[in-house]
Amino acid sequence: VVILAYFDVSAHALLLVAVAAFARLDLQARAVGEAKSFFILSGISLTS
């Protein structure tokens, strides 16, 4: 209900999750490990 009520905010959150999931799938397809994936995703996200 909160997500639907505040769709303008939750749409940004869903976009962040979707793009990060896409990047993780690409990293996984290229055989990048879990620890490296975490540091890549978190480092790029927070830096950007």
ModelCIF file with pLDDT and N, C-alpha, C, O atoms, coordinates in Angstrom:
data_MODEL
#
_entry.id   MODEL 
#
_entity.id                         1 
_entity.type                       polymer 
_entity.pdbx_number_of_molecules   1 
#
_entity_poly.entity_id                      1 
_entity_poly.type                           'polypeptide(L)' 
_entity_poly.nstd_linkage                   no 
_entity_poly.nstd_monomer                   no 
_entity_poly.pdbx_seq_one_letter_code       VVILAYFDVSAHALLLVAVAAFARLDLQARAVGEAKSFFILSGISLTS 
_entity_poly.pdbx_seq_one_letter_code_can   VVILAYFDVSAHALLLVAVAAFARLDLQARAVGEAKSFFILSGISLTS 
_entity_poly.pdbx_strand_id                 A 
#
loop_
_entity_poly_seq.entity_id 
_entity_poly_seq.num 
_entity_poly_seq.mon_id 
_entity_poly_seq.hetero 
1 1  VAL n 
1 2  VAL n 
1 3  ILE n 
1 4  LEU n 
1 5  ALA n 
1 6  TYR n 
1 7  PHE n 
1 8  ASP n 
1 9  VAL n 
1 10 SER n 
1 11 ALA n 
1 12 HIS n 
1 13 ALA n 
1 14 LEU n 
1 15 LEU n 
1 16 LEU n 
1 17 VAL n 
1 18 ALA n 
1 19 VAL n 
1 20 ALA n 
1 21 ALA n 
1 22 PHE n 
1 23 ALA n 
1 24 ARG n 
1 25 LEU n 
1 26 ASP n 
1 27 LEU n 
1 28 GLN n 
1 29 ALA n 
1 30 ARG n 
1 31 ALA n 
1 32 VAL n 
1 33 GLY n 
1 34 GLU n 
1 35 ALA n 
1 36 LYS n 
1 37 SER n 
1 38 PHE n 
1 39 PHE n 
1 40 ILE n 
1 41 LEU n 
1 42 SER n 
1 43 GLY n 
1 44 ILE n 
1 45 SER n 
1 46 LEU n 
1 47 THR n 
1 48 SER n 
#
_struct_asym.id          A 
_struct_asym.entity_id   1 
#
loop_
_ma_qa_metric.id 
_ma_qa_metric.mode 
_ma_qa_metric.name 
_ma_qa_metric.software_group_id 
_ma_qa_metric.type 
1 global pLDDT . pLDDT 
2 local  pLDDT . pLDDT 
#
_ma_qa_metric_global.metric_id      1 
_ma_qa_metric_global.metric_value   83.52 
_ma_qa_metric_global.model_id       1 
_ma_qa_metric_global.ordinal_id     1 
#
loop_
_ma_qa_metric_local.label_asym_id 
_ma_qa_metric_local.label_comp_id 
_ma_qa_metric_local.label_seq_id 
_ma_qa_metric_local.metric_id 
_ma_qa_metric_local.metric_value 
_ma_qa_metric_local.model_id 
_ma_qa_metric_local.ordinal_id 
A VAL 1  2 84.00 1 1  
A VAL 2  2 76.00 1 2  
A ILE 3  2 76.00 1 3  
A LEU 4  2 79.00 1 4  
A ALA 5  2 81.00 1 5  
A TYR 6  2 74.00 1 6  
A PHE 7  2 79.00 1 7  
A ASP 8  2 75.00 1 8  
A VAL 9  2 73.00 1 9  
A SER 10 2 78.00 1 10 
A ALA 11 2 83.00 1 11 
A HIS 12 2 84.00 1 12 
A ALA 13 2 82.00 1 13 
A LEU 14 2 85.00 1 14 
A LEU 15 2 87.00 1 15 
A LEU 16 2 87.00 1 16 
A VAL 17 2 87.00 1 17 
A ALA 18 2 89.00 1 18 
A VAL 19 2 89.00 1 19 
A ALA 20 2 87.00 1 20 
A ALA 21 2 86.00 1 21 
A PHE 22 2 86.00 1 22 
A ALA 23 2 87.00 1 23 
A ARG 24 2 86.00 1 24 
A LEU 25 2 83.00 1 25 
A ASP 26 2 83.00 1 26 
A LEU 27 2 83.00 1 27 
A GLN 28 2 81.00 1 28 
A ALA 29 2 81.00 1 29 
A ARG 30 2 80.00 1 30 
A ALA 31 2 78.00 1 31 
A VAL 32 2 78.00 1 32 
A GLY 33 2 78.00 1 33 
A GLU 34 2 80.00 1 34 
A ALA 35 2 81.00 1 35 
A LYS 36 2 84.00 1 36 
A SER 37 2 83.00 1 37 
A PHE 38 2 84.00 1 38 
A PHE 39 2 87.00 1 39 
A ILE 40 2 84.00 1 40 
A LEU 41 2 87.00 1 41 
A SER 42 2 88.00 1 42 
A GLY 43 2 90.00 1 43 
A ILE 44 2 89.00 1 44 
A SER 45 2 90.00 1 45 
A LEU 46 2 91.00 1 46 
A THR 47 2 93.00 1 47 
A SER 48 2 93.00 1 48 
#
loop_
_atom_site.group_PDB 
_atom_site.id 
_atom_site.type_symbol 
_atom_site.label_atom_id 
_atom_site.label_alt_id 
_atom_site.label_comp_id 
_atom_site.label_asym_id 
_atom_site.label_entity_id 
_atom_site.label_seq_id 
_atom_site.pdbx_PDB_ins_code 
_atom_site.Cartn_x 
_atom_site.Cartn_y 
_atom_site.Cartn_z 
_atom_site.occupancy 
_atom_site.B_iso_or_equiv 
_atom_site.pdbx_formal_charge 
_atom_site.auth_seq_id 
_atom_site.auth_comp_id 
_atom_site.auth_asym_id 
_atom_site.auth_atom_id 
_atom_site.pdbx_PDB_model_num 
ATOM 1   N N  . VAL A 1 1  ? 0.840  -1.206  0.000   1.00 84.00 ? 1  VAL A N  1 
ATOM 2   C CA . VAL A 1 1  ? 0.000  0.000   0.000   1.00 84.00 ? 1  VAL A CA 1 
ATOM 3   C C  . VAL A 1 1  ? 0.873  1.254   0.000   1.00 84.00 ? 1  VAL A C  1 
ATOM 4   O O  . VAL A 1 1  ? 0.578  2.211   -0.716  1.00 84.00 ? 1  VAL A O  1 
ATOM 5   N N  . VAL A 1 2  ? 1.939  1.257   0.794   1.00 76.00 ? 2  VAL A N  1 
ATOM 6   C CA . VAL A 1 2  ? 2.834  2.413   0.840   1.00 76.00 ? 2  VAL A CA 1 
ATOM 7   C C  . VAL A 1 2  ? 3.496  2.629   -0.517  1.00 76.00 ? 2  VAL A C  1 
ATOM 8   O O  . VAL A 1 2  ? 3.624  3.765   -0.973  1.00 76.00 ? 2  VAL A O  1 
ATOM 9   N N  . ILE A 1 3  ? 3.916  1.546   -1.160  1.00 76.00 ? 3  ILE A N  1 
ATOM 10  C CA . ILE A 1 3  ? 4.541  1.659   -2.482  1.00 76.00 ? 3  ILE A CA 1 
ATOM 11  C C  . ILE A 1 3  ? 3.562  2.265   -3.484  1.00 76.00 ? 3  ILE A C  1 
ATOM 12  O O  . ILE A 1 3  ? 3.942  3.122   -4.281  1.00 76.00 ? 3  ILE A O  1 
ATOM 13  N N  . LEU A 1 4  ? 2.327  1.833   -3.448  1.00 79.00 ? 4  LEU A N  1 
ATOM 14  C CA . LEU A 1 4  ? 1.340  2.390   -4.372  1.00 79.00 ? 4  LEU A CA 1 
ATOM 15  C C  . LEU A 1 4  ? 0.976  3.832   -4.025  1.00 79.00 ? 4  LEU A C  1 
ATOM 16  O O  . LEU A 1 4  ? 0.740  4.644   -4.919  1.00 79.00 ? 4  LEU A O  1 
ATOM 17  N N  . ALA A 1 5  ? 0.931  4.151   -2.742  1.00 81.00 ? 5  ALA A N  1 
ATOM 18  C CA . ALA A 1 5  ? 0.574  5.514   -2.335  1.00 81.00 ? 5  ALA A CA 1 
ATOM 19  C C  . ALA A 1 5  ? 1.675  6.512   -2.682  1.00 81.00 ? 5  ALA A C  1 
ATOM 20  O O  . ALA A 1 5  ? 1.390  7.647   -3.063  1.00 81.00 ? 5  ALA A O  1 
ATOM 21  N N  . TYR A 1 6  ? 2.908  6.095   -2.551  1.00 74.00 ? 6  TYR A N  1 
ATOM 22  C CA . TYR A 1 6  ? 4.047  6.961   -2.850  1.00 74.00 ? 6  TYR A CA 1 
ATOM 23  C C  . TYR A 1 6  ? 4.772  6.445   -4.092  1.00 74.00 ? 6  TYR A C  1 
ATOM 24  O O  . TYR A 1 6  ? 5.968  6.153   -4.060  1.00 74.00 ? 6  TYR A O  1 
ATOM 25  N N  . PHE A 1 7  ? 4.026  6.342   -5.168  1.00 79.00 ? 7  PHE A N  1 
ATOM 26  C CA . PHE A 1 7  ? 4.584  5.744   -6.382  1.00 79.00 ? 7  PHE A CA 1 
ATOM 27  C C  . PHE A 1 7  ? 5.708  6.584   -6.971  1.00 79.00 ? 7  PHE A C  1 
ATOM 28  O O  . PHE A 1 7  ? 6.622  6.034   -7.587  1.00 79.00 ? 7  PHE A O  1 
ATOM 29  N N  . ASP A 1 8  ? 5.664  7.899   -6.798  1.00 75.00 ? 8  ASP A N  1 
ATOM 30  C CA . ASP A 1 8  ? 6.728  8.740   -7.341  1.00 75.00 ? 8  ASP A CA 1 
ATOM 31  C C  . ASP A 1 8  ? 8.071  8.422   -6.693  1.00 75.00 ? 8  ASP A C  1 
ATOM 32  O O  . ASP A 1 8  ? 9.102  8.462   -7.365  1.00 75.00 ? 8  ASP A O  1 
ATOM 33  N N  . VAL A 1 9  ? 8.074  8.110   -5.415  1.00 73.00 ? 9  VAL A N  1 
ATOM 34  C CA . VAL A 1 9  ? 9.306  7.753   -4.718  1.00 73.00 ? 9  VAL A CA 1 
ATOM 35  C C  . VAL A 1 9  ? 9.670  6.299   -4.990  1.00 73.00 ? 9  VAL A C  1 
ATOM 36  O O  . VAL A 1 9  ? 10.829 5.980   -5.257  1.00 73.00 ? 9  VAL A O  1 
ATOM 37  N N  . SER A 1 10 ? 8.674  5.422   -4.920  1.00 78.00 ? 10 SER A N  1 
ATOM 38  C CA . SER A 1 10 ? 8.961  3.999   -5.099  1.00 78.00 ? 10 SER A CA 1 
ATOM 39  C C  . SER A 1 10 ? 9.377  3.666   -6.532  1.00 78.00 ? 10 SER A C  1 
ATOM 40  O O  . SER A 1 10 ? 10.070 2.673   -6.756  1.00 78.00 ? 10 SER A O  1 
ATOM 41  N N  . ALA A 1 11 ? 8.966  4.478   -7.498  1.00 83.00 ? 11 ALA A N  1 
ATOM 42  C CA . ALA A 1 11 ? 9.407  4.242   -8.876  1.00 83.00 ? 11 ALA A CA 1 
ATOM 43  C C  . ALA A 1 11 ? 10.915 4.436   -8.995  1.00 83.00 ? 11 ALA A C  1 
ATOM 44  O O  . ALA A 1 11 ? 11.578 3.695   -9.721  1.00 83.00 ? 11 ALA A O  1 
ATOM 45  N N  . HIS A 1 12 ? 11.457 5.414   -8.297  1.00 84.00 ? 12 HIS A N  1 
ATOM 46  C CA . HIS A 1 12 ? 12.916 5.606   -8.301  1.00 84.00 ? 12 HIS A CA 1 
ATOM 47  C C  . HIS A 1 12 ? 13.613 4.417   -7.655  1.00 84.00 ? 12 HIS A C  1 
ATOM 48  O O  . HIS A 1 12 ? 14.642 3.954   -8.148  1.00 84.00 ? 12 HIS A O  1 
ATOM 49  N N  . ALA A 1 13 ? 13.060 3.925   -6.556  1.00 82.00 ? 13 ALA A N  1 
ATOM 50  C CA . ALA A 1 13 ? 13.654 2.777   -5.871  1.00 82.00 ? 13 ALA A CA 1 
ATOM 51  C C  . ALA A 1 13 ? 13.605 1.535   -6.754  1.00 82.00 ? 13 ALA A C  1 
ATOM 52  O O  . ALA A 1 13 ? 14.572 0.777   -6.820  1.00 82.00 ? 13 ALA A O  1 
ATOM 53  N N  . LEU A 1 14 ? 12.481 1.329   -7.431  1.00 85.00 ? 14 LEU A N  1 
ATOM 54  C CA . LEU A 1 14 ? 12.372 0.177   -8.327  1.00 85.00 ? 14 LEU A CA 1 
ATOM 55  C C  . LEU A 1 14 ? 13.338 0.287   -9.505  1.00 85.00 ? 14 LEU A C  1 
ATOM 56  O O  . LEU A 1 14 ? 13.884 -0.719  -9.958  1.00 85.00 ? 14 LEU A O  1 
ATOM 57  N N  . LEU A 1 15 ? 13.548 1.498   -9.997  1.00 87.00 ? 15 LEU A N  1 
ATOM 58  C CA . LEU A 1 15 ? 14.508 1.702   -11.077 1.00 87.00 ? 15 LEU A CA 1 
ATOM 59  C C  . LEU A 1 15 ? 15.925 1.384   -10.610 1.00 87.00 ? 15 LEU A C  1 
ATOM 60  O O  . LEU A 1 15 ? 16.695 0.762   -11.342 1.00 87.00 ? 15 LEU A O  1 
ATOM 61  N N  . LEU A 1 16 ? 16.271 1.807   -9.395  1.00 87.00 ? 16 LEU A N  1 
ATOM 62  C CA . LEU A 1 16 ? 17.592 1.507   -8.849  1.00 87.00 ? 16 LEU A CA 1 
ATOM 63  C C  . LEU A 1 16 ? 17.796 0.000   -8.708  1.00 87.00 ? 16 LEU A C  1 
ATOM 64  O O  . LEU A 1 16 ? 18.867 -0.519  -9.023  1.00 87.00 ? 16 LEU A O  1 
ATOM 65  N N  . VAL A 1 17 ? 16.774 -0.694  -8.236  1.00 87.00 ? 17 VAL A N  1 
ATOM 66  C CA . VAL A 1 17 ? 16.868 -2.152  -8.082  1.00 87.00 ? 17 VAL A CA 1 
ATOM 67  C C  . VAL A 1 17 ? 16.988 -2.824  -9.447  1.00 87.00 ? 17 VAL A C  1 
ATOM 68  O O  . VAL A 1 17 ? 17.791 -3.742  -9.613  1.00 87.00 ? 17 VAL A O  1 
ATOM 69  N N  . ALA A 1 18 ? 16.205 -2.382  -10.416 1.00 89.00 ? 18 ALA A N  1 
ATOM 70  C CA . ALA A 1 18 ? 16.233 -3.006  -11.740 1.00 89.00 ? 18 ALA A CA 1 
ATOM 71  C C  . ALA A 1 18 ? 17.580 -2.823  -12.434 1.00 89.00 ? 18 ALA A C  1 
ATOM 72  O O  . ALA A 1 18 ? 18.105 -3.767  -13.024 1.00 89.00 ? 18 ALA A O  1 
ATOM 73  N N  . VAL A 1 19 ? 18.137 -1.626  -12.367 1.00 89.00 ? 19 VAL A N  1 
ATOM 74  C CA . VAL A 1 19 ? 19.423 -1.383  -13.018 1.00 89.00 ? 19 VAL A CA 1 
ATOM 75  C C  . VAL A 1 19 ? 20.541 -2.149  -12.314 1.00 89.00 ? 19 VAL A C  1 
ATOM 76  O O  . VAL A 1 19 ? 21.437 -2.683  -12.969 1.00 89.00 ? 19 VAL A O  1 
ATOM 77  N N  . ALA A 1 20 ? 20.491 -2.204  -10.985 1.00 87.00 ? 20 ALA A N  1 
ATOM 78  C CA . ALA A 1 20 ? 21.499 -2.970  -10.253 1.00 87.00 ? 20 ALA A CA 1 
ATOM 79  C C  . ALA A 1 20 ? 21.371 -4.465  -10.549 1.00 87.00 ? 20 ALA A C  1 
ATOM 80  O O  . ALA A 1 20 ? 22.378 -5.165  -10.652 1.00 87.00 ? 20 ALA A O  1 
ATOM 81  N N  . ALA A 1 21 ? 20.144 -4.953  -10.685 1.00 86.00 ? 21 ALA A N  1 
ATOM 82  C CA . ALA A 1 21 ? 19.949 -6.364  -11.032 1.00 86.00 ? 21 ALA A CA 1 
ATOM 83  C C  . ALA A 1 21 ? 20.482 -6.659  -12.430 1.00 86.00 ? 21 ALA A C  1 
ATOM 84  O O  . ALA A 1 21 ? 21.079 -7.712  -12.653 1.00 86.00 ? 21 ALA A O  1 
ATOM 85  N N  . PHE A 1 22 ? 20.274 -5.750  -13.368 1.00 86.00 ? 22 PHE A N  1 
ATOM 86  C CA . PHE A 1 22 ? 20.806 -5.912  -14.716 1.00 86.00 ? 22 PHE A CA 1 
ATOM 87  C C  . PHE A 1 22 ? 22.337 -5.958  -14.702 1.00 86.00 ? 22 PHE A C  1 
ATOM 88  O O  . PHE A 1 22 ? 22.949 -6.786  -15.375 1.00 86.00 ? 22 PHE A O  1 
ATOM 89  N N  . ALA A 1 23 ? 22.938 -5.064  -13.931 1.00 87.00 ? 23 ALA A N  1 
ATOM 90  C CA . ALA A 1 23 ? 24.401 -5.063  -13.828 1.00 87.00 ? 23 ALA A CA 1 
ATOM 91  C C  . ALA A 1 23 ? 24.894 -6.346  -13.172 1.00 87.00 ? 23 ALA A C  1 
ATOM 92  O O  . ALA A 1 23 ? 25.903 -6.907  -13.599 1.00 87.00 ? 23 ALA A O  1 
ATOM 93  N N  . ARG A 1 24 ? 24.200 -6.817  -12.143 1.00 86.00 ? 24 ARG A N  1 
ATOM 94  C CA . ARG A 1 24 ? 24.612 -8.055  -11.475 1.00 86.00 ? 24 ARG A CA 1 
ATOM 95  C C  . ARG A 1 24 ? 24.492 -9.254  -12.396 1.00 86.00 ? 24 ARG A C  1 
ATOM 96  O O  . ARG A 1 24 ? 25.354 -10.132 -12.387 1.00 86.00 ? 24 ARG A O  1 
ATOM 97  N N  . LEU A 1 25 ? 23.430 -9.302  -13.192 1.00 83.00 ? 25 LEU A N  1 
ATOM 98  C CA . LEU A 1 25 ? 23.286 -10.406 -14.145 1.00 83.00 ? 25 LEU A CA 1 
ATOM 99  C C  . LEU A 1 25 ? 24.410 -10.397 -15.179 1.00 83.00 ? 25 LEU A C  1 
ATOM 100 O O  . LEU A 1 25 ? 24.929 -11.451 -15.547 1.00 83.00 ? 25 LEU A O  1 
ATOM 101 N N  . ASP A 1 26 ? 24.777 -9.222  -15.638 1.00 83.00 ? 26 ASP A N  1 
ATOM 102 C CA . ASP A 1 26 ? 25.900 -9.123  -16.573 1.00 83.00 ? 26 ASP A CA 1 
ATOM 103 C C  . ASP A 1 26 ? 27.212 -9.533  -15.914 1.00 83.00 ? 26 ASP A C  1 
ATOM 104 O O  . ASP A 1 26 ? 28.041 -10.200 -16.533 1.00 83.00 ? 26 ASP A O  1 
ATOM 105 N N  . LEU A 1 27 ? 27.398 -9.136  -14.668 1.00 83.00 ? 27 LEU A N  1 
ATOM 106 C CA . LEU A 1 27 ? 28.604 -9.547  -13.945 1.00 83.00 ? 27 LEU A CA 1 
ATOM 107 C C  . LEU A 1 27 ? 28.625 -11.056 -13.729 1.00 83.00 ? 27 LEU A C  1 
ATOM 108 O O  . LEU A 1 27 ? 29.674 -11.690 -13.842 1.00 83.00 ? 27 LEU A O  1 
ATOM 109 N N  . GLN A 1 28 ? 27.475 -11.623 -13.422 1.00 81.00 ? 28 GLN A N  1 
ATOM 110 C CA . GLN A 1 28 ? 27.393 -13.061 -13.212 1.00 81.00 ? 28 GLN A CA 1 
ATOM 111 C C  . GLN A 1 28 ? 27.633 -13.813 -14.522 1.00 81.00 ? 28 GLN A C  1 
ATOM 112 O O  . GLN A 1 28 ? 28.273 -14.864 -14.521 1.00 81.00 ? 28 GLN A O  1 
ATOM 113 N N  . ALA A 1 29 ? 27.128 -13.286 -15.631 1.00 81.00 ? 29 ALA A N  1 
ATOM 114 C CA . ALA A 1 29 ? 27.347 -13.927 -16.929 1.00 81.00 ? 29 ALA A CA 1 
ATOM 115 C C  . ALA A 1 29 ? 28.817 -13.899 -17.324 1.00 81.00 ? 29 ALA A C  1 
ATOM 116 O O  . ALA A 1 29 ? 29.272 -14.756 -18.082 1.00 81.00 ? 29 ALA A O  1 
ATOM 117 N N  . ARG A 1 30 ? 29.550 -12.939 -16.825 1.00 80.00 ? 30 ARG A N  1 
ATOM 118 C CA . ARG A 1 30 ? 30.982 -12.837 -17.120 1.00 80.00 ? 30 ARG A CA 1 
ATOM 119 C C  . ARG A 1 30 ? 31.841 -13.453 -16.017 1.00 80.00 ? 30 ARG A C  1 
ATOM 120 O O  . ARG A 1 30 ? 33.044 -13.204 -15.943 1.00 80.00 ? 30 ARG A O  1 
ATOM 121 N N  . ALA A 1 31 ? 31.215 -14.254 -15.168 1.00 78.00 ? 31 ALA A N  1 
ATOM 122 C CA . ALA A 1 31 ? 31.887 -15.040 -14.132 1.00 78.00 ? 31 ALA A CA 1 
ATOM 123 C C  . ALA A 1 31 ? 32.658 -14.184 -13.128 1.00 78.00 ? 31 ALA A C  1 
ATOM 124 O O  . ALA A 1 31 ? 33.768 -14.537 -12.729 1.00 78.00 ? 31 ALA A O  1 
ATOM 125 N N  . VAL A 1 32 ? 32.071 -13.066 -12.726 1.00 78.00 ? 32 VAL A N  1 
ATOM 126 C CA . VAL A 1 32 ? 32.654 -12.246 -11.667 1.00 78.00 ? 32 VAL A CA 1 
ATOM 127 C C  . VAL A 1 32 ? 32.081 -12.763 -10.347 1.00 78.00 ? 32 VAL A C  1 
ATOM 128 O O  . VAL A 1 32 ? 30.871 -12.959 -10.238 1.00 78.00 ? 32 VAL A O  1 
ATOM 129 N N  . GLY A 1 33 ? 32.916 -12.980 -9.366  1.00 78.00 ? 33 GLY A N  1 
ATOM 130 C CA . GLY A 1 33 ? 32.502 -13.563 -8.091  1.00 78.00 ? 33 GLY A CA 1 
ATOM 131 C C  . GLY A 1 33 ? 31.587 -12.667 -7.286  1.00 78.00 ? 33 GLY A C  1 
ATOM 132 O O  . GLY A 1 33 ? 31.376 -11.499 -7.613  1.00 78.00 ? 33 GLY A O  1 
ATOM 133 N N  . GLU A 1 34 ? 31.040 -13.252 -6.211  1.00 80.00 ? 34 GLU A N  1 
ATOM 134 C CA . GLU A 1 34 ? 30.080 -12.528 -5.380  1.00 80.00 ? 34 GLU A CA 1 
ATOM 135 C C  . GLU A 1 34 ? 30.714 -11.344 -4.661  1.00 80.00 ? 34 GLU A C  1 
ATOM 136 O O  . GLU A 1 34 ? 30.122 -10.266 -4.609  1.00 80.00 ? 34 GLU A O  1 
ATOM 137 N N  . ALA A 1 35 ? 31.891 -11.526 -4.113  1.00 81.00 ? 35 ALA A N  1 
ATOM 138 C CA . ALA A 1 35 ? 32.534 -10.436 -3.375  1.00 81.00 ? 35 ALA A CA 1 
ATOM 139 C C  . ALA A 1 35 ? 32.910 -9.288  -4.310  1.00 81.00 ? 35 ALA A C  1 
ATOM 140 O O  . ALA A 1 35 ? 32.690 -8.120  -3.987  1.00 81.00 ? 35 ALA A O  1 
ATOM 141 N N  . LYS A 1 36 ? 33.475 -9.623  -5.466  1.00 84.00 ? 36 LYS A N  1 
ATOM 142 C CA . LYS A 1 36 ? 33.817 -8.576  -6.435  1.00 84.00 ? 36 LYS A CA 1 
ATOM 143 C C  . LYS A 1 36 ? 32.559 -7.868  -6.927  1.00 84.00 ? 36 LYS A C  1 
ATOM 144 O O  . LYS A 1 36 ? 32.559 -6.651  -7.107  1.00 84.00 ? 36 LYS A O  1 
ATOM 145 N N  . SER A 1 37 ? 31.498 -8.621  -7.143  1.00 83.00 ? 37 SER A N  1 
ATOM 146 C CA . SER A 1 37 ? 30.236 -8.017  -7.593  1.00 83.00 ? 37 SER A CA 1 
ATOM 147 C C  . SER A 1 37 ? 29.703 -7.038  -6.560  1.00 83.00 ? 37 SER A C  1 
ATOM 148 O O  . SER A 1 37 ? 29.243 -5.950  -6.907  1.00 83.00 ? 37 SER A O  1 
ATOM 149 N N  . PHE A 1 38 ? 29.764 -7.426  -5.283  1.00 84.00 ? 38 PHE A N  1 
ATOM 150 C CA . PHE A 1 38 ? 29.300 -6.527  -4.232  1.00 84.00 ? 38 PHE A CA 1 
ATOM 151 C C  . PHE A 1 38 ? 30.100 -5.234  -4.236  1.00 84.00 ? 38 PHE A C  1 
ATOM 152 O O  . PHE A 1 38 ? 29.525 -4.147  -4.170  1.00 84.00 ? 38 PHE A O  1 
ATOM 153 N N  . PHE A 1 39 ? 31.424 -5.344  -4.313  1.00 87.00 ? 39 PHE A N  1 
ATOM 154 C CA . PHE A 1 39 ? 32.251 -4.138  -4.282  1.00 87.00 ? 39 PHE A CA 1 
ATOM 155 C C  . PHE A 1 39 ? 32.079 -3.293  -5.545  1.00 87.00 ? 39 PHE A C  1 
ATOM 156 O O  . PHE A 1 39 ? 32.114 -2.065  -5.477  1.00 87.00 ? 39 PHE A O  1 
ATOM 157 N N  . ILE A 1 40 ? 31.898 -3.934  -6.675  1.00 84.00 ? 40 ILE A N  1 
ATOM 158 C CA . ILE A 1 40 ? 31.669 -3.183  -7.910  1.00 84.00 ? 40 ILE A CA 1 
ATOM 159 C C  . ILE A 1 40 ? 30.333 -2.454  -7.848  1.00 84.00 ? 40 ILE A C  1 
ATOM 160 O O  . ILE A 1 40 ? 30.260 -1.256  -8.122  1.00 84.00 ? 40 ILE A O  1 
ATOM 161 N N  . LEU A 1 41 ? 29.269 -3.182  -7.485  1.00 87.00 ? 41 LEU A N  1 
ATOM 162 C CA . LEU A 1 41 ? 27.939 -2.563  -7.434  1.00 87.00 ? 41 LEU A CA 1 
ATOM 163 C C  . LEU A 1 41 ? 27.863 -1.454  -6.392  1.00 87.00 ? 41 LEU A C  1 
ATOM 164 O O  . LEU A 1 41 ? 27.368 -0.363  -6.676  1.00 87.00 ? 41 LEU A O  1 
ATOM 165 N N  . SER A 1 42 ? 28.348 -1.728  -5.197  1.00 88.00 ? 42 SER A N  1 
ATOM 166 C CA . SER A 1 42 ? 28.250 -0.711  -4.155  1.00 88.00 ? 42 SER A CA 1 
ATOM 167 C C  . SER A 1 42 ? 29.180 0.464   -4.434  1.00 88.00 ? 42 SER A C  1 
ATOM 168 O O  . SER A 1 42 ? 28.798 1.612   -4.209  1.00 88.00 ? 42 SER A O  1 
ATOM 169 N N  . GLY A 1 43 ? 30.373 0.206   -4.911  1.00 90.00 ? 43 GLY A N  1 
ATOM 170 C CA . GLY A 1 43 ? 31.307 1.290   -5.205  1.00 90.00 ? 43 GLY A CA 1 
ATOM 171 C C  . GLY A 1 43 ? 30.813 2.207   -6.307  1.00 90.00 ? 43 GLY A C  1 
ATOM 172 O O  . GLY A 1 43 ? 30.863 3.430   -6.178  1.00 90.00 ? 43 GLY A O  1 
ATOM 173 N N  . ILE A 1 44 ? 30.335 1.615   -7.390  1.00 89.00 ? 44 ILE A N  1 
ATOM 174 C CA . ILE A 1 44 ? 29.839 2.426   -8.500  1.00 89.00 ? 44 ILE A CA 1 
ATOM 175 C C  . ILE A 1 44 ? 28.565 3.167   -8.092  1.00 89.00 ? 44 ILE A C  1 
ATOM 176 O O  . ILE A 1 44 ? 28.381 4.328   -8.456  1.00 89.00 ? 44 ILE A O  1 
ATOM 177 N N  . SER A 1 45 ? 27.695 2.510   -7.347  1.00 90.00 ? 45 SER A N  1 
ATOM 178 C CA . SER A 1 45 ? 26.442 3.147   -6.933  1.00 90.00 ? 45 SER A CA 1 
ATOM 179 C C  . SER A 1 45 ? 26.696 4.358   -6.043  1.00 90.00 ? 45 SER A C  1 
ATOM 180 O O  . SER A 1 45 ? 26.172 5.443   -6.293  1.00 90.00 ? 45 SER A O  1 
ATOM 181 N N  . LEU A 1 46 ? 27.502 4.165   -5.009  1.00 91.00 ? 46 LEU A N  1 
ATOM 182 C CA . LEU A 1 46 ? 27.735 5.263   -4.068  1.00 91.00 ? 46 LEU A CA 1 
ATOM 183 C C  . LEU A 1 46 ? 28.566 6.385   -4.695  1.00 91.00 ? 46 LEU A C  1 
ATOM 184 O O  . LEU A 1 46 ? 28.337 7.562   -4.417  1.00 91.00 ? 46 LEU A O  1 
ATOM 185 N N  . THR A 1 47 ? 29.527 6.018   -5.537  1.00 93.00 ? 47 THR A N  1 
ATOM 186 C CA . THR A 1 47 ? 30.321 7.049   -6.213  1.00 93.00 ? 47 THR A CA 1 
ATOM 187 C C  . THR A 1 47 ? 29.457 7.865   -7.166  1.00 93.00 ? 47 THR A C  1 
ATOM 188 O O  . THR A 1 47 ? 29.574 9.089   -7.214  1.00 93.00 ? 47 THR A O  1 
ATOM 189 N N  . SER A 1 48 ? 28.602 7.206   -7.914  1.00 93.00 ? 48 SER A N  1 
ATOM 190 C CA . SER A 1 48 ? 27.733 7.917   -8.859  1.00 93.00 ? 48 SER A CA 1 
ATOM 191 C C  . SER A 1 48 ? 26.711 8.778   -8.127  1.00 93.00 ? 48 SER A C  1 
ATOM 192 O O  . SER A 1 48 ? 25.898 9.447   -8.764  1.00 93.00 ? 48 SER A O  1 
#
